[in-house]
């Protein structure tokens, strides 16, 4: 048995595509699997929220320059 994966961008067309696929000779089943929505707004991501929590609770270190950071870490340039 072979599997064909279709990606349909417009969700309003999913039902019609599913119905059309069912009419094809030899198709035994048609399943729809919704994918998770992409997050375009970075402020809604878990990583962003964790970073803002770090800032809020003072778990952030600032350096004047990259050279200053390397000096504090003991890394020679």
N, C-alpha and C. Protein backbone atom coordinates (compact mmCIF):
# COMPACT_ATOMS: atom_id res chain seq x y z
N UNK A 1 0.85 -1.18 0.00
CA UNK A 1 0.00 0.00 0.00
C UNK A 1 0.89 1.24 0.00
N UNK A 2 0.51 2.25 -0.74
CA UNK A 2 1.25 3.50 -0.82
C UNK A 2 0.49 4.59 -0.07
N UNK A 3 1.22 5.58 0.39
CA UNK A 3 0.61 6.71 1.09
C UNK A 3 0.98 7.98 0.34
N UNK A 4 0.00 8.85 0.14
CA UNK A 4 0.22 10.14 -0.50
C UNK A 4 -0.13 11.22 0.52
N UNK A 5 0.74 12.19 0.69
CA UNK A 5 0.51 13.28 1.63
C UNK A 5 0.24 14.55 0.84
N UNK A 6 -0.87 15.18 1.12
CA UNK A 6 -1.22 16.45 0.49
C UNK A 6 -1.18 17.54 1.55
N UNK A 7 -0.62 18.67 1.20
CA UNK A 7 -0.65 19.82 2.11
C UNK A 7 -1.58 20.85 1.50
N UNK A 8 -2.63 21.19 2.24
CA UNK A 8 -3.63 22.15 1.76
C UNK A 8 -3.53 23.40 2.61
N UNK A 9 -3.16 24.51 1.99
CA UNK A 9 -2.95 25.74 2.72
C UNK A 9 -4.27 26.36 3.20
N UNK A 10 -5.28 26.34 2.34
CA UNK A 10 -6.59 26.92 2.66
C UNK A 10 -7.46 25.87 3.33
N UNK A 11 -7.67 26.01 4.64
CA UNK A 11 -8.41 24.99 5.40
C UNK A 11 -9.86 24.86 4.95
N UNK A 12 -10.39 25.88 4.29
CA UNK A 12 -11.77 25.78 3.83
C UNK A 12 -11.91 24.79 2.68
N UNK A 13 -10.80 24.40 2.06
CA UNK A 13 -10.83 23.46 0.95
C UNK A 13 -10.61 22.01 1.38
N UNK A 14 -10.24 21.80 2.63
CA UNK A 14 -9.88 20.45 3.10
C UNK A 14 -11.02 19.46 2.89
N UNK A 15 -12.23 19.84 3.25
CA UNK A 15 -13.36 18.92 3.11
C UNK A 15 -13.58 18.53 1.65
N UNK A 16 -13.44 19.49 0.73
CA UNK A 16 -13.64 19.21 -0.69
C UNK A 16 -12.53 18.30 -1.23
N UNK A 17 -11.29 18.53 -0.80
CA UNK A 17 -10.18 17.68 -1.23
C UNK A 17 -10.37 16.27 -0.70
N UNK A 18 -10.79 16.17 0.55
CA UNK A 18 -11.04 14.85 1.16
C UNK A 18 -12.13 14.10 0.39
N UNK A 19 -13.21 14.79 0.06
CA UNK A 19 -14.31 14.19 -0.69
C UNK A 19 -13.85 13.73 -2.08
N UNK A 20 -13.05 14.56 -2.73
CA UNK A 20 -12.55 14.21 -4.07
C UNK A 20 -11.64 12.98 -4.01
N UNK A 21 -10.80 12.91 -3.00
CA UNK A 21 -9.90 11.77 -2.86
C UNK A 21 -10.66 10.47 -2.63
N UNK A 22 -11.76 10.54 -1.88
CA UNK A 22 -12.57 9.35 -1.62
C UNK A 22 -13.18 8.79 -2.90
N UNK A 23 -13.39 9.64 -3.91
CA UNK A 23 -13.99 9.21 -5.16
C UNK A 23 -13.00 8.52 -6.09
N UNK A 24 -11.71 8.60 -5.78
CA UNK A 24 -10.69 7.98 -6.62
C UNK A 24 -10.71 6.47 -6.46
N UNK A 25 -10.61 5.77 -7.55
CA UNK A 25 -10.63 4.31 -7.53
C UNK A 25 -9.39 3.80 -6.79
N UNK A 26 -9.59 2.88 -5.86
CA UNK A 26 -8.48 2.27 -5.14
C UNK A 26 -8.15 2.94 -3.82
N UNK A 27 -8.74 4.10 -3.54
CA UNK A 27 -8.48 4.79 -2.27
C UNK A 27 -9.30 4.09 -1.19
N UNK A 28 -8.60 3.62 -0.16
CA UNK A 28 -9.29 2.87 0.90
C UNK A 28 -9.62 3.73 2.11
N UNK A 29 -8.85 4.77 2.35
CA UNK A 29 -9.17 5.66 3.47
C UNK A 29 -8.55 7.03 3.23
N UNK A 30 -9.16 8.04 3.80
CA UNK A 30 -8.66 9.41 3.72
C UNK A 30 -8.69 9.97 5.13
N UNK A 31 -7.54 10.42 5.62
CA UNK A 31 -7.45 10.97 6.97
C UNK A 31 -6.94 12.40 6.89
N UNK A 32 -7.46 13.24 7.74
CA UNK A 32 -7.04 14.64 7.82
C UNK A 32 -6.30 14.83 9.13
N UNK A 33 -5.10 15.37 9.04
CA UNK A 33 -4.31 15.65 10.23
C UNK A 33 -3.95 17.12 10.20
N UNK A 34 -4.43 17.84 11.19
CA UNK A 34 -4.11 19.27 11.25
C UNK A 34 -2.73 19.44 11.83
N UNK A 35 -1.97 20.35 11.25
CA UNK A 35 -0.64 20.65 11.76
C UNK A 35 -0.74 21.81 12.74
N UNK A 36 0.22 21.91 13.62
CA UNK A 36 0.21 23.01 14.58
C UNK A 36 0.42 24.32 13.83
N UNK A 37 -0.20 25.35 14.33
CA UNK A 37 -0.10 26.65 13.70
C UNK A 37 1.26 27.26 13.96
N UNK A 38 1.81 27.87 12.94
CA UNK A 38 3.09 28.55 13.07
C UNK A 38 2.91 29.80 13.91
N UNK A 39 3.85 30.09 14.76
CA UNK A 39 3.76 31.28 15.59
C UNK A 39 4.55 32.40 14.92
N UNK A 40 3.82 33.37 14.38
CA UNK A 40 4.47 34.51 13.74
C UNK A 40 4.86 35.57 14.76
N UNK A 41 4.16 35.60 15.88
CA UNK A 41 4.43 36.59 16.91
C UNK A 41 5.38 35.97 17.94
N UNK A 42 6.63 36.40 17.93
CA UNK A 42 7.64 35.80 18.81
C UNK A 42 7.28 35.96 20.28
N UNK A 43 6.49 37.00 20.61
CA UNK A 43 6.15 37.23 22.02
C UNK A 43 5.21 36.16 22.57
N UNK A 44 4.67 35.31 21.72
CA UNK A 44 3.78 34.24 22.18
C UNK A 44 4.51 32.90 22.34
N UNK A 45 5.81 32.87 22.07
CA UNK A 45 6.56 31.62 22.17
C UNK A 45 7.01 31.38 23.61
N UNK A 46 7.20 30.12 23.94
CA UNK A 46 7.64 29.75 25.29
C UNK A 46 9.05 30.28 25.57
N UNK A 47 9.92 30.26 24.55
CA UNK A 47 11.28 30.75 24.74
C UNK A 47 11.30 32.23 25.08
N UNK A 48 10.47 33.01 24.39
CA UNK A 48 10.39 34.45 24.66
C UNK A 48 9.89 34.69 26.08
N UNK A 49 8.85 33.96 26.47
CA UNK A 49 8.30 34.13 27.82
C UNK A 49 9.32 33.76 28.89
N UNK A 50 10.10 32.72 28.63
CA UNK A 50 11.15 32.33 29.58
C UNK A 50 12.22 33.40 29.67
N UNK A 51 12.59 33.98 28.54
CA UNK A 51 13.60 35.03 28.54
C UNK A 51 13.10 36.26 29.30
N UNK A 52 11.84 36.62 29.11
CA UNK A 52 11.29 37.77 29.83
C UNK A 52 11.20 37.50 31.32
N UNK A 53 10.97 36.25 31.70
CA UNK A 53 10.96 35.88 33.11
C UNK A 53 12.36 36.03 33.70
N UNK A 54 13.38 35.65 32.92
CA UNK A 54 14.76 35.83 33.36
C UNK A 54 15.06 37.31 33.60
N UNK A 55 14.63 38.17 32.69
CA UNK A 55 14.85 39.61 32.84
C UNK A 55 14.14 40.11 34.09
N UNK A 56 12.88 39.71 34.26
CA UNK A 56 12.07 40.15 35.40
C UNK A 56 12.70 39.78 36.73
N UNK A 57 13.33 38.60 36.79
CA UNK A 57 13.91 38.12 38.04
C UNK A 57 15.41 38.37 38.15
N UNK A 58 15.96 39.19 37.25
CA UNK A 58 17.36 39.59 37.35
C UNK A 58 18.37 38.52 36.99
N UNK A 59 17.96 37.54 36.20
CA UNK A 59 18.88 36.48 35.81
C UNK A 59 19.54 36.78 34.46
N UNK A 60 19.99 38.05 34.32
CA UNK A 60 20.60 38.50 33.07
C UNK A 60 21.89 39.22 33.41
N UNK A 61 22.93 38.96 32.65
CA UNK A 61 24.20 39.64 32.83
C UNK A 61 24.48 40.47 31.59
N UNK A 62 24.86 41.73 31.80
CA UNK A 62 25.16 42.62 30.67
C UNK A 62 26.65 42.89 30.62
N UNK A 63 27.17 43.01 29.41
CA UNK A 63 28.57 43.32 29.19
C UNK A 63 28.65 44.51 28.25
N UNK A 64 29.73 45.32 28.41
CA UNK A 64 29.89 46.50 27.57
C UNK A 64 30.25 46.14 26.14
N UNK A 65 30.93 45.00 25.97
CA UNK A 65 31.35 44.58 24.63
C UNK A 65 31.63 43.09 24.63
N UNK A 66 31.83 42.54 23.45
CA UNK A 66 32.19 41.13 23.32
C UNK A 66 33.55 40.88 23.97
N UNK A 67 34.44 41.82 23.79
CA UNK A 67 35.76 41.69 24.40
C UNK A 67 35.65 41.61 25.92
N UNK A 68 34.76 42.43 26.51
CA UNK A 68 34.54 42.42 27.95
C UNK A 68 33.98 41.06 28.40
N UNK A 69 33.05 40.51 27.64
CA UNK A 69 32.50 39.19 27.93
C UNK A 69 33.60 38.14 27.92
N UNK A 70 34.41 38.13 26.86
CA UNK A 70 35.49 37.14 26.76
C UNK A 70 36.49 37.30 27.90
N UNK A 71 36.77 38.54 28.28
CA UNK A 71 37.70 38.79 29.38
C UNK A 71 37.14 38.21 30.69
N UNK A 72 35.85 38.43 30.95
CA UNK A 72 35.21 37.91 32.16
C UNK A 72 35.18 36.38 32.16
N UNK A 73 35.07 35.77 30.97
CA UNK A 73 35.05 34.31 30.86
C UNK A 73 36.45 33.71 30.84
N UNK A 74 37.48 34.57 30.71
CA UNK A 74 38.85 34.07 30.66
C UNK A 74 39.23 33.49 29.29
N UNK A 75 38.58 33.99 28.26
CA UNK A 75 38.86 33.51 26.91
C UNK A 75 39.73 34.54 26.21
N UNK A 76 40.85 34.09 25.67
CA UNK A 76 41.75 34.99 24.96
C UNK A 76 41.34 35.10 23.50
N UNK A 77 41.43 36.30 22.98
CA UNK A 77 41.12 36.52 21.55
C UNK A 77 42.33 36.36 20.70
